[in-house]
PDB file of N, CA and C in Angstrom:
ATOM      1  N   MET A   1     -68.598  17.369  42.437  1.00  0.00           N
ATOM      2  CA  MET A   1     -67.644  16.468  41.913  1.00  0.00           C
ATOM      3  C   MET A   1     -68.458  15.057  42.117  1.00  0.00           C
ATOM      4  N   ASP A   2     -68.663  14.527  41.258  1.00  0.00           N
ATOM      5  CA  ASP A   2     -69.455  13.200  41.497  1.00  0.00           C
ATOM      6  C   ASP A   2     -68.183  11.939  41.890  1.00  0.00           C
ATOM      7  N   GLU A   3     -69.104  10.848  41.921  1.00  0.00           N
ATOM      8  CA  GLU A   3     -68.137   9.331  42.566  1.00  0.00           C
ATOM      9  C   GLU A   3     -67.258   9.492  41.249  1.00  0.00           C
ATOM     10  N   ARG A   4     -67.452   9.360  39.993  1.00  0.00           N
ATOM     11  CA  ARG A   4     -66.500   8.978  39.059  1.00  0.00           C
ATOM     12  C   ARG A   4     -65.568   9.863  38.989  1.00  0.00           C
ATOM     13  N   GLU A   5     -65.558  10.978  38.986  1.00  0.00           N
ATOM     14  CA  GLU A   5     -64.557  11.985  39.039  1.00  0.00           C
ATOM     15  C   GLU A   5     -63.507  11.884  40.402  1.00  0.00           C
ATOM     16  N   ILE A   6     -64.242  11.541  41.361  1.00  0.00           N
ATOM     17  CA  ILE A   6     -63.583  11.349  42.619  1.00  0.00           C
ATOM     18  C   ILE A   6     -62.492  10.012  42.483  1.00  0.00           C
ATOM     19  N   LYS A   7     -63.154   8.900  41.907  1.00  0.00           N
ATOM     20  CA  LYS A   7     -62.182   7.844  41.341  1.00  0.00           C
ATOM     21  C   LYS A   7     -61.299   8.129  40.605  1.00  0.00           C
ATOM     22  N   GLU A   8     -61.406   8.941  39.518  1.00  0.00           N
ATOM     23  CA  GLU A   8     -60.491   9.400  38.454  1.00  0.00           C
ATOM     24  C   GLU A   8     -59.292  10.110  39.205  1.00  0.00           C
ATOM     25  N   ASN A   9     -59.531  10.849  40.127  1.00  0.00           N
ATOM     26  CA  ASN A   9     -58.386  11.618  40.846  1.00  0.00           C
ATOM     27  C   ASN A   9     -57.808  11.252  41.931  1.00  0.00           C
ATOM     28  N   LEU A  10     -57.684   9.666  42.105  1.00  0.00           N
ATOM     29  CA  LEU A  10     -57.272   8.838  43.259  1.00  0.00           C
ATOM     30  C   LEU A  10     -55.598   8.524  42.639  1.00  0.00           C
ATOM     31  N   SER A  11     -54.736   8.624  43.502  1.00  0.00           N
ATOM     32  CA  SER A  11     -53.540   7.981  43.036  1.00  0.00           C
ATOM     33  C   SER A  11     -53.520   6.630  42.852  1.00  0.00           C
ATOM     34  N   ARG A  12     -52.272   6.052  42.644  1.00  0.00           N
ATOM     35  CA  ARG A  12     -51.966   4.417  42.514  1.00  0.00           C
ATOM     36  C   ARG A  12     -51.971   3.808  43.721  1.00  0.00           C
ATOM     37  N   ARG A  13     -51.638   4.915  44.849  1.00  0.00           N
ATOM     38  CA  ARG A  13     -51.477   4.242  45.980  1.00  0.00           C
ATOM     39  C   ARG A  13     -52.829   4.160  46.817  1.00  0.00           C
ATOM     40  N   ASP A  14     -53.482   5.088  46.782  1.00  0.00           N
ATOM     41  CA  ASP A  14     -55.120   5.176  47.249  1.00  0.00           C
ATOM     42  C   ASP A  14     -56.002   4.212  46.839  1.00  0.00           C
ATOM     43  N   LYS A  15     -55.778   3.863  45.377  1.00  0.00           N
ATOM     44  CA  LYS A  15     -56.385   2.784  44.651  1.00  0.00           C
ATOM     45  C   LYS A  15     -56.015   1.275  45.413  1.00  0.00           C
ATOM     46  N   ARG A  16     -54.799   1.087  45.487  1.00  0.00           N
ATOM     47  CA  ARG A  16     -54.182  -0.124  45.984  1.00  0.00           C
ATOM     48  C   ARG A  16     -54.633  -0.204  47.617  1.00  0.00           C
ATOM     49  N   PHE A  17     -54.949   0.938  48.222  1.00  0.00           N
ATOM     50  CA  PHE A  17     -55.515   0.629  49.397  1.00  0.00           C
ATOM     51  C   PHE A  17     -57.112   0.378  49.612  1.00  0.00           C
ATOM     52  N   ILE A  18     -57.587   1.110  48.672  1.00  0.00           N
ATOM     53  CA  ILE A  18     -59.037   0.596  48.577  1.00  0.00           C
ATOM     54  C   ILE A  18     -59.186  -0.886  48.428  1.00  0.00           C
ATOM     55  N   ASN A  19     -58.413  -1.356  47.307  1.00  0.00           N
ATOM     56  CA  ASN A  19     -58.875  -2.845  46.828  1.00  0.00           C
ATOM     57  C   ASN A  19     -58.413  -3.812  47.913  1.00  0.00           C
ATOM     58  N   ALA A  20     -56.835  -3.355  48.837  1.00  0.00           N
ATOM     59  CA  ALA A  20     -56.933  -4.018  49.914  1.00  0.00           C
ATOM     60  C   ALA A  20     -57.930  -3.923  50.893  1.00  0.00           C
ATOM     61  N   ARG A  21     -58.505  -3.032  51.348  1.00  0.00           N
ATOM     62  CA  ARG A  21     -59.279  -2.575  52.288  1.00  0.00           C
ATOM     63  C   ARG A  21     -60.742  -3.202  52.051  1.00  0.00           C
ATOM     64  N   SER A  22     -61.219  -3.322  50.646  1.00  0.00           N
ATOM     65  CA  SER A  22     -62.234  -4.130  50.317  1.00  0.00           C
ATOM     66  C   SER A  22     -62.454  -5.516  50.462  1.00  0.00           C
ATOM     67  N   ILE A  23     -60.863  -6.174  50.018  1.00  0.00           N
ATOM     68  CA  ILE A  23     -60.664  -7.509  50.095  1.00  0.00           C
ATOM     69  C   ILE A  23     -60.965  -8.007  51.489  1.00  0.00           C
ATOM     70  N   MET A  24     -60.373  -7.103  52.607  1.00  0.00           N
ATOM     71  CA  MET A  24     -60.035  -7.228  54.030  1.00  0.00           C
ATOM     72  C   MET A  24     -61.599  -7.257  54.563  1.00  0.00           C
ATOM     73  N   ASP A  25     -62.449  -6.299  54.223  1.00  0.00           N
ATOM     74  CA  ASP A  25     -63.909  -6.059  54.707  1.00  0.00           C
ATOM     75  C   ASP A  25     -64.660  -7.413  53.998  1.00  0.00           C
ATOM     76  N   ILE A  26     -64.550  -7.607  52.912  1.00  0.00           N
ATOM     77  CA  ILE A  26     -65.304  -8.815  52.192  1.00  0.00           C
ATOM     78  C   ILE A  26     -65.130 -10.261  53.199  1.00  0.00           C
ATOM     79  N   GLY A  27     -63.572 -10.504  53.376  1.00  0.00           N
ATOM     80  CA  GLY A  27     -63.049 -11.539  54.085  1.00  0.00           C
ATOM     81  C   GLY A  27     -63.661 -11.607  55.585  1.00  0.00           C
ATOM     82  N   MET A  28     -63.322 -10.534  56.120  1.00  0.00           N
ATOM     83  CA  MET A  28     -63.735 -10.670  57.754  1.00  0.00           C
ATOM     84  C   MET A  28     -65.683 -10.593  57.575  1.00  0.00           C
ATOM     85  N   GLY A  29     -66.097  -9.944  56.555  1.00  0.00           N
ATOM     86  CA  GLY A  29     -67.540  -9.980  56.758  1.00  0.00           C
ATOM     87  C   GLY A  29     -67.965 -11.809  56.589  1.00  0.00           C
ATOM     88  N   LEU A  30     -67.338 -12.413  55.870  1.00  0.00           N
ATOM     89  CA  LEU A  30     -67.678 -13.860  55.375  1.00  0.00           C
ATOM     90  C   LEU A  30     -67.275 -14.520  56.821  1.00  0.00           C
ATOM     91  N   LEU A  31     -66.206 -14.162  57.490  1.00  0.00           N
ATOM     92  CA  LEU A  31     -65.810 -14.971  58.897  1.00  0.00           C
ATOM     93  C   LEU A  31     -67.075 -14.396  59.993  1.00  0.00           C
ATOM     94  N   TRP A  32     -67.264 -13.328  59.882  1.00  0.00           N
ATOM     95  CA  TRP A  32     -68.367 -12.827  60.946  1.00  0.00           C
ATOM     96  C   TRP A  32     -69.790 -13.441  60.551  1.00  0.00           C
ATOM     97  N   THR A  33     -69.909 -13.434  59.504  1.00  0.00           N
ATOM     98  CA  THR A  33     -71.252 -14.086  59.153  1.00  0.00           C
ATOM     99  C   THR A  33     -71.244 -15.695  59.407  1.00  0.00           C
ATOM    100  N   ALA A  34     -70.056 -16.316  59.089  1.00  0.00           N
ATOM    101  CA  ALA A  34     -70.115 -17.850  59.472  1.00  0.00           C
ATOM    102  C   ALA A  34     -70.055 -17.796  60.737  1.00  0.00           C
ATOM    103  N   MET A  35     -69.238 -16.960  61.723  1.00  0.00           N
ATOM    104  CA  MET A  35     -69.243 -17.363  63.117  1.00  0.00           C
ATOM    105  C   MET A  35     -70.778 -16.932  63.633  1.00  0.00           C
ATOM    106  N   GLY A  36     -71.516 -16.157  63.088  1.00  0.00           N
ATOM    107  CA  GLY A  36     -72.834 -16.076  63.516  1.00  0.00           C
ATOM    108  C   GLY A  36     -73.678 -17.178  63.351  1.00  0.00           C
ATOM    109  N   ILE A  37     -73.818 -17.547  62.042  1.00  0.00           N
ATOM    110  CA  ILE A  37     -74.487 -18.981  61.536  1.00  0.00           C
ATOM    111  C   ILE A  37     -74.035 -19.949  62.521  1.00  0.00           C
ATOM    112  N   PHE A  38     -72.970 -19.923  63.092  1.00  0.00           N
ATOM    113  CA  PHE A  38     -72.621 -21.228  63.970  1.00  0.00           C
ATOM    114  C   PHE A  38     -73.103 -21.197  65.138  1.00  0.00           C
ATOM    115  N   LEU A  39     -73.069 -19.508  65.605  1.00  0.00           N
ATOM    116  CA  LEU A  39     -73.670 -19.270  67.172  1.00  0.00           C
ATOM    117  C   LEU A  39     -75.257 -19.389  67.027  1.00  0.00           C
ATOM    118  N   ALA A  40     -75.891 -18.879  65.971  1.00  0.00           N
ATOM    119  CA  ALA A  40     -77.382 -18.875  66.104  1.00  0.00           C
ATOM    120  C   ALA A  40     -78.032 -20.199  65.690  1.00  0.00           C
ATOM    121  N   PHE A  41     -77.412 -20.793  64.970  1.00  0.00           N
ATOM    122  CA  PHE A  41     -77.973 -22.208  65.118  1.00  0.00           C
ATOM    123  C   PHE A  41     -77.018 -23.682  65.425  1.00  0.00           C
ATOM    124  N   ILE A  42     -76.483 -23.128  66.711  1.00  0.00           N
ATOM    125  CA  ILE A  42     -75.669 -24.197  67.031  1.00  0.00           C
ATOM    126  C   ILE A  42     -76.002 -25.569  67.211  1.00  0.00           C
ATOM    127  N   ASP A  43     -77.277 -25.401  67.644  1.00  0.00           N
ATOM    128  CA  ASP A  43     -77.951 -26.814  68.189  1.00  0.00           C
ATOM    129  C   ASP A  43     -77.986 -27.867  66.808  1.00  0.00           C
ATOM    130  N   ARG A  44     -77.902 -27.183  65.394  1.00  0.00           N
ATOM    131  CA  ARG A  44     -78.222 -28.111  64.053  1.00  0.00           C
ATOM    132  C   ARG A  44     -76.727 -28.494  64.057  1.00  0.00           C
ATOM    133  N   PHE A  45     -75.654 -28.013  64.814  1.00  0.00           N
ATOM    134  CA  PHE A  45     -74.456 -28.800  64.247  1.00  0.00           C
ATOM    135  C   PHE A  45     -74.000 -29.617  65.460  1.00  0.00           C
ATOM    136  N   ASN A  46     -73.694 -30.994  65.263  1.00  0.00           N
ATOM    137  CA  ASN A  46     -73.215 -31.666  66.253  1.00  0.00           C
ATOM    138  C   ASN A  46     -71.883 -31.491  66.694  1.00  0.00           C
ATOM    139  N   THR A  47     -71.863 -30.641  67.649  1.00  0.00           N
ATOM    140  CA  THR A  47     -70.294 -30.120  68.083  1.00  0.00           C
ATOM    141  C   THR A  47     -69.928 -30.579  69.412  1.00  0.00           C
ATOM    142  N   GLY A  48     -71.116 -30.953  70.223  1.00  0.00           N
ATOM    143  CA  GLY A  48     -71.156 -30.996  71.695  1.00  0.00           C
ATOM    144  C   GLY A  48     -71.065 -29.833  72.650  1.00  0.00           C
ATOM    145  N   LEU A  49     -71.126 -28.642  72.019  1.00  0.00           N
ATOM    146  CA  LEU A  49     -71.146 -27.525  72.678  1.00  0.00           C
ATOM    147  C   LEU A  49     -72.530 -26.905  72.792  1.00  0.00           C
ATOM    148  N   GLU A  50     -73.658 -27.695  72.516  1.00  0.00           N
ATOM    149  CA  GLU A  50     -74.740 -27.025  72.364  1.00  0.00           C
ATOM    150  C   GLU A  50     -75.236 -26.898  73.843  1.00  0.00           C
ATOM    151  N   ALA A  51     -74.702 -27.392  74.815  1.00  0.00           N
ATOM    152  CA  ALA A  51     -75.122 -27.041  76.455  1.00  0.00           C
ATOM    153  C   ALA A  51     -74.282 -25.726  76.697  1.00  0.00           C
ATOM    154  N   GLN A  52     -73.396 -25.265  76.520  1.00  0.00           N
ATOM    155  CA  GLN A  52     -72.773 -24.156  76.894  1.00  0.00           C
ATOM    156  C   GLN A  52     -73.018 -23.090  75.923  1.00  0.00           C
ATOM    157  N   PHE A  53     -73.471 -23.289  74.599  1.00  0.00           N
ATOM    158  CA  PHE A  53     -73.852 -21.929  73.894  1.00  0.00           C
ATOM    159  C   PHE A  53     -75.043 -21.969  73.413  1.00  0.00           C
ATOM    160  N   SER A  54     -76.039 -22.557  73.777  1.00  0.00           N
ATOM    161  CA  SER A  54     -77.595 -22.792  73.254  1.00  0.00           C
ATOM    162  C   SER A  54     -78.396 -21.692  74.085  1.00  0.00           C
ATOM    163  N   ASP A  55     -77.951 -21.077  74.822  1.00  0.00           N
ATOM    164  CA  ASP A  55     -78.969 -19.827  75.438  1.00  0.00           C
ATOM    165  C   ASP A  55     -79.338 -18.637  74.726  1.00  0.00           C
ATOM    166  N   PRO A  56     -80.382 -17.989  74.829  1.00  0.00           N
ATOM    167  CA  PRO A  56     -80.819 -16.823  73.978  1.00  0.00           C
ATOM    168  C   PRO A  56     -79.877 -15.654  73.798  1.00  0.00           C
ATOM    169  N   VAL A  57     -79.033 -15.664  74.790  1.00  0.00           N
ATOM    170  CA  VAL A  57     -77.910 -14.462  74.604  1.00  0.00           C
ATOM    171  C   VAL A  57     -76.860 -14.849  73.418  1.00  0.00           C
ATOM    172  N   MET A  58     -76.490 -16.034  73.500  1.00  0.00           N
ATOM    173  CA  MET A  58     -75.427 -16.390  72.378  1.00  0.00           C
ATOM    174  C   MET A  58     -76.223 -16.652  70.963  1.00  0.00           C
ATOM    175  N   LYS A  59     -77.549 -16.838  70.882  1.00  0.00           N
ATOM    176  CA  LYS A  59     -78.333 -16.727  69.780  1.00  0.00           C
ATOM    177  C   LYS A  59     -78.599 -15.468  69.513  1.00  0.00           C
ATOM    178  N   GLY A  60     -78.870 -14.282  70.200  1.00  0.00           N
ATOM    179  CA  GLY A  60     -78.795 -13.186  69.846  1.00  0.00           C
ATOM    180  C   GLY A  60     -77.451 -12.377  69.540  1.00  0.00           C
ATOM    181  N   PHE A  61     -76.325 -12.704  70.065  1.00  0.00           N
ATOM    182  CA  PHE A  61     -74.744 -12.210  69.830  1.00  0.00           C
ATOM    183  C   PHE A  61     -74.848 -13.117  68.218  1.00  0.00           C
ATOM    184  N   GLY A  62     -75.196 -14.276  67.982  1.00  0.00           N
ATOM    185  CA  GLY A  62     -75.058 -14.795  66.675  1.00  0.00           C
ATOM    186  C   GLY A  62     -75.877 -13.890  65.363  1.00  0.00           C
ATOM    187  N   VAL A  63     -77.056 -13.692  65.912  1.00  0.00           N
ATOM    188  CA  VAL A  63     -77.746 -12.715  64.967  1.00  0.00           C
ATOM    189  C   VAL A  63     -77.134 -11.421  64.743  1.00  0.00           C
ATOM    190  N   ILE A  64     -76.471 -10.889  65.657  1.00  0.00           N
ATOM    191  CA  ILE A  64     -75.959  -9.559  65.865  1.00  0.00           C
ATOM    192  C   ILE A  64     -74.618  -9.756  64.671  1.00  0.00           C
ATOM    193  N   ALA A  65     -73.950 -10.641  65.021  1.00  0.00           N
ATOM    194  CA  ALA A  65     -72.564 -11.289  64.316  1.00  0.00           C
ATOM    195  C   ALA A  65     -72.996 -11.414  62.804  1.00  0.00           C
ATOM    196  N   ILE A  66     -74.199 -12.015  62.675  1.00  0.00           N
ATOM    197  CA  ILE A  66     -74.699 -11.938  61.161  1.00  0.00           C
ATOM    198  C   ILE A  66     -74.752 -10.698  60.311  1.00  0.00           C
ATOM    199  N   LEU A  67     -75.486  -9.797  61.187  1.00  0.00           N
ATOM    200  CA  LEU A  67     -75.783  -8.515  60.499  1.00  0.00           C
ATOM    201  C   LEU A  67     -74.683  -7.632  60.479  1.00  0.00           C
ATOM    202  N   TYR A  68     -73.655  -8.035  61.329  1.00  0.00           N
ATOM    203  CA  TYR A  68     -72.337  -7.351  61.044  1.00  0.00           C
ATOM    204  C   TYR A  68     -71.550  -7.688  59.941  1.00  0.00           C
ATOM    205  N   GLY A  69     -71.579  -9.080  59.839  1.00  0.00           N
ATOM    206  CA  GLY A  69     -71.039  -9.374  58.701  1.00  0.00           C
ATOM    207  C   GLY A  69     -71.475  -9.255  57.387  1.00  0.00           C
ATOM    208  N   ILE A  70     -72.754  -8.950  57.271  1.00  0.00           N
ATOM    209  CA  ILE A  70     -73.309  -8.666  56.113  1.00  0.00           C
ATOM    210  C   ILE A  70     -73.146  -7.158  55.799  1.00  0.00           C
ATOM    211  N   PHE A  71     -73.104  -6.175  56.879  1.00  0.00           N
ATOM    212  CA  PHE A  71     -72.786  -4.841  56.820  1.00  0.00           C
ATOM    213  C   PHE A  71     -71.237  -4.811  56.132  1.00  0.00           C
ATOM    214  N   ARG A  72     -70.238  -5.382  56.849  1.00  0.00           N
ATOM    215  CA  ARG A  72     -68.827  -5.582  56.138  1.00  0.00           C
ATOM    216  C   ARG A  72     -68.872  -5.827  54.695  1.00  0.00           C
ATOM    217  N   ILE A  73     -69.514  -6.984  54.485  1.00  0.00           N
ATOM    218  CA  ILE A  73     -69.510  -7.292  52.997  1.00  0.00           C
ATOM    219  C   ILE A  73     -69.933  -6.136  51.994  1.00  0.00           C
ATOM    220  N   TYR A  74     -71.159  -5.521  52.494  1.00  0.00           N
ATOM    221  CA  TYR A  74     -71.775  -4.636  51.652  1.00  0.00           C
ATOM    222  C   TYR A  74     -70.648  -3.158  51.517  1.00  0.00           C
ATOM    223  N   ARG A  75     -70.073  -3.080  53.041  1.00  0.00           N
ATOM    224  CA  ARG A  75     -69.187  -1.902  52.792  1.00  0.00           C
ATOM    225  C   ARG A  75     -67.757  -2.168  51.754  1.00  0.00           C
ATOM    226  N   GLY A  76     -67.479  -3.547  51.828  1.00  0.00           N
ATOM    227  CA  GLY A  76     -66.292  -3.877  51.068  1.00  0.00           C
ATOM    228  C   GLY A  76     -66.688  -4.001  49.495  1.00  0.00           C
ATOM    229  N   PHE A  77     -67.965  -4.159  49.084  1.00  0.00           N
ATOM    230  CA  PHE A  77     -68.284  -3.705  47.792  1.00  0.00           C
ATOM    231  C   PHE A  77     -68.674  -2.551  47.315  1.00  0.00           C
ATOM    232  N   LYS A  78     -69.123  -1.719  48.153  1.00  0.00           N
ATOM    233  CA  LYS A  78     -69.228  -0.249  47.867  1.00  0.00           C
ATOM    234  C   LYS A  78     -68.022   0.779  47.674  1.00  0.00           C
ATOM    235  N   LYS A  79     -67.178   0.289  48.377  1.00  0.00           N
ATOM    236  CA  LYS A  79     -65.774   1.040  48.489  1.00  0.00           C
ATOM    237  C   LYS A  79     -65.615   2.319  48.619  1.00  0.00           C
ATOM    238  N   LYS A  80     -66.514   2.915  49.849  1.00  0.00           N
ATOM    239  CA  LYS A  80     -66.402   4.252  50.025  1.00  0.00           C
ATOM    240  C   LYS A  80     -65.761   4.608  51.143  1.00  0.00           C
ATOM    241  N   TYR A  81     -64.406   4.785  50.928  1.00  0.00           N
ATOM    242  CA  TYR A  81     -63.605   4.843  52.185  1.00  0.00           C
ATOM    243  C   TYR A  81     -62.976   6.434  52.239  1.00  0.00           C
ATOM    244  N   PHE A  82     -63.045   7.320  51.331  1.00  0.00           N
ATOM    245  CA  PHE A  82     -62.695   8.455  51.281  1.00  0.00           C
ATOM    246  C   PHE A  82     -63.736   9.309  51.361  1.00  0.00           C
ATOM    247  N   LYS A  83     -64.825   9.121  51.817  1.00  0.00           N
ATOM    248  CA  LYS A  83     -66.028  10.103  52.023  1.00  0.00           C
ATOM    249  C   LYS A  83     -65.997  10.792  53.289  1.00  0.00           C
TER     250      LYS A  83
END
Protein backbone atom coordinates (compact mmCIF):
# COMPACT_ATOMS: atom_id res chain seq x y z
CA MET A 1 0.00 0.00 0.00
CA ASP A 2 1.51 3.31 -1.05
CA GLU A 3 1.06 6.73 0.51
CA ARG A 4 -1.77 7.75 -1.83
CA GLU A 5 -3.86 4.72 -0.85
CA ILE A 6 -3.28 5.40 2.82
CA LYS A 7 -4.51 8.99 2.43
CA GLU A 8 -7.64 7.82 0.62
CA ASN A 9 -8.53 5.38 3.41
CA LEU A 10 -8.34 7.97 6.22
CA SER A 11 -11.54 9.03 7.89
CA ARG A 12 -12.70 12.63 8.07
CA ARG A 13 -11.65 12.75 11.75
CA ASP A 14 -8.15 11.51 10.94
CA LYS A 15 -7.77 14.10 8.18
CA ARG A 16 -8.77 16.89 10.57
CA PHE A 17 -6.31 15.55 13.13
CA ILE A 18 -3.51 15.52 10.55
CA ASN A 19 -4.27 19.08 9.45
CA ALA A 20 -4.42 20.38 13.03
CA ARG A 21 -1.20 18.59 13.94
CA SER A 22 0.49 19.93 10.83
CA ILE A 23 -0.51 23.52 11.63
CA MET A 24 0.70 23.07 15.21
CA ASP A 25 4.04 21.66 14.05
CA ILE A 26 4.61 24.51 11.62
CA GLY A 27 3.67 27.13 14.22
CA MET A 28 5.84 25.60 16.92
CA GLY A 29 8.67 25.22 14.42
CA LEU A 30 8.49 28.92 13.63
CA LEU A 31 8.55 29.77 17.34
CA TRP A 32 11.52 27.49 18.05
CA THR A 33 13.40 28.87 15.06
CA ALA A 34 12.73 32.47 16.10
CA MET A 35 13.85 31.76 19.67
CA GLY A 36 16.99 30.05 18.39
CA ILE A 37 17.85 32.97 16.13
CA PHE A 38 17.33 35.35 19.04
CA LEU A 39 19.58 33.33 21.37
CA ALA A 40 22.27 32.59 18.79
CA PHE A 41 22.53 36.21 17.63
CA ILE A 42 21.56 38.05 20.83
CA ASP A 43 24.49 40.43 20.57
CA ARG A 44 23.01 41.83 17.32
CA PHE A 45 19.73 42.69 19.07
CA ASN A 46 19.99 45.68 21.42
CA THR A 47 17.97 44.28 24.32
CA GLY A 48 20.33 44.76 27.22
CA LEU A 49 20.45 41.00 27.82
CA GLU A 50 23.76 40.46 26.04
CA ALA A 51 25.74 40.23 29.28
CA GLN A 52 23.54 37.42 30.63
CA PHE A 53 23.01 35.34 27.51
CA SER A 54 26.06 35.83 25.29
CA ASP A 55 28.04 32.83 26.58
CA PRO A 56 28.80 29.90 24.23
CA VAL A 57 26.31 27.61 25.97
CA MET A 58 23.40 29.89 25.06
CA LYS A 59 24.68 30.24 21.50
CA GLY A 60 24.86 26.44 21.29
CA PHE A 61 21.33 26.14 22.63
CA GLY A 62 20.24 28.71 20.05
CA VAL A 63 21.69 26.60 17.24
CA ILE A 64 19.98 23.48 18.62
CA ALA A 65 16.68 25.39 18.84
CA ILE A 66 17.05 26.49 15.21
CA LEU A 67 17.68 22.91 14.08
CA TYR A 68 14.72 21.61 16.10
CA GLY A 69 12.50 24.35 14.67
CA ILE A 70 13.49 23.40 11.13
CA PHE A 71 12.73 19.76 11.93
CA ARG A 72 9.27 20.68 13.27
CA ILE A 73 8.51 22.72 10.14
CA TYR A 74 9.67 19.83 7.94
CA ARG A 75 7.51 17.36 9.88
CA GLY A 76 4.53 19.69 9.55
CA PHE A 77 4.87 19.79 5.77
CA LYS A 78 5.43 16.03 5.39
CA LYS A 79 2.34 15.04 7.47
CA LYS A 80 3.50 11.47 8.16
CA TYR A 81 1.78 10.91 11.50
CA PHE A 82 0.25 7.43 11.11
CA LYS A 83 3.31 5.48 10.00
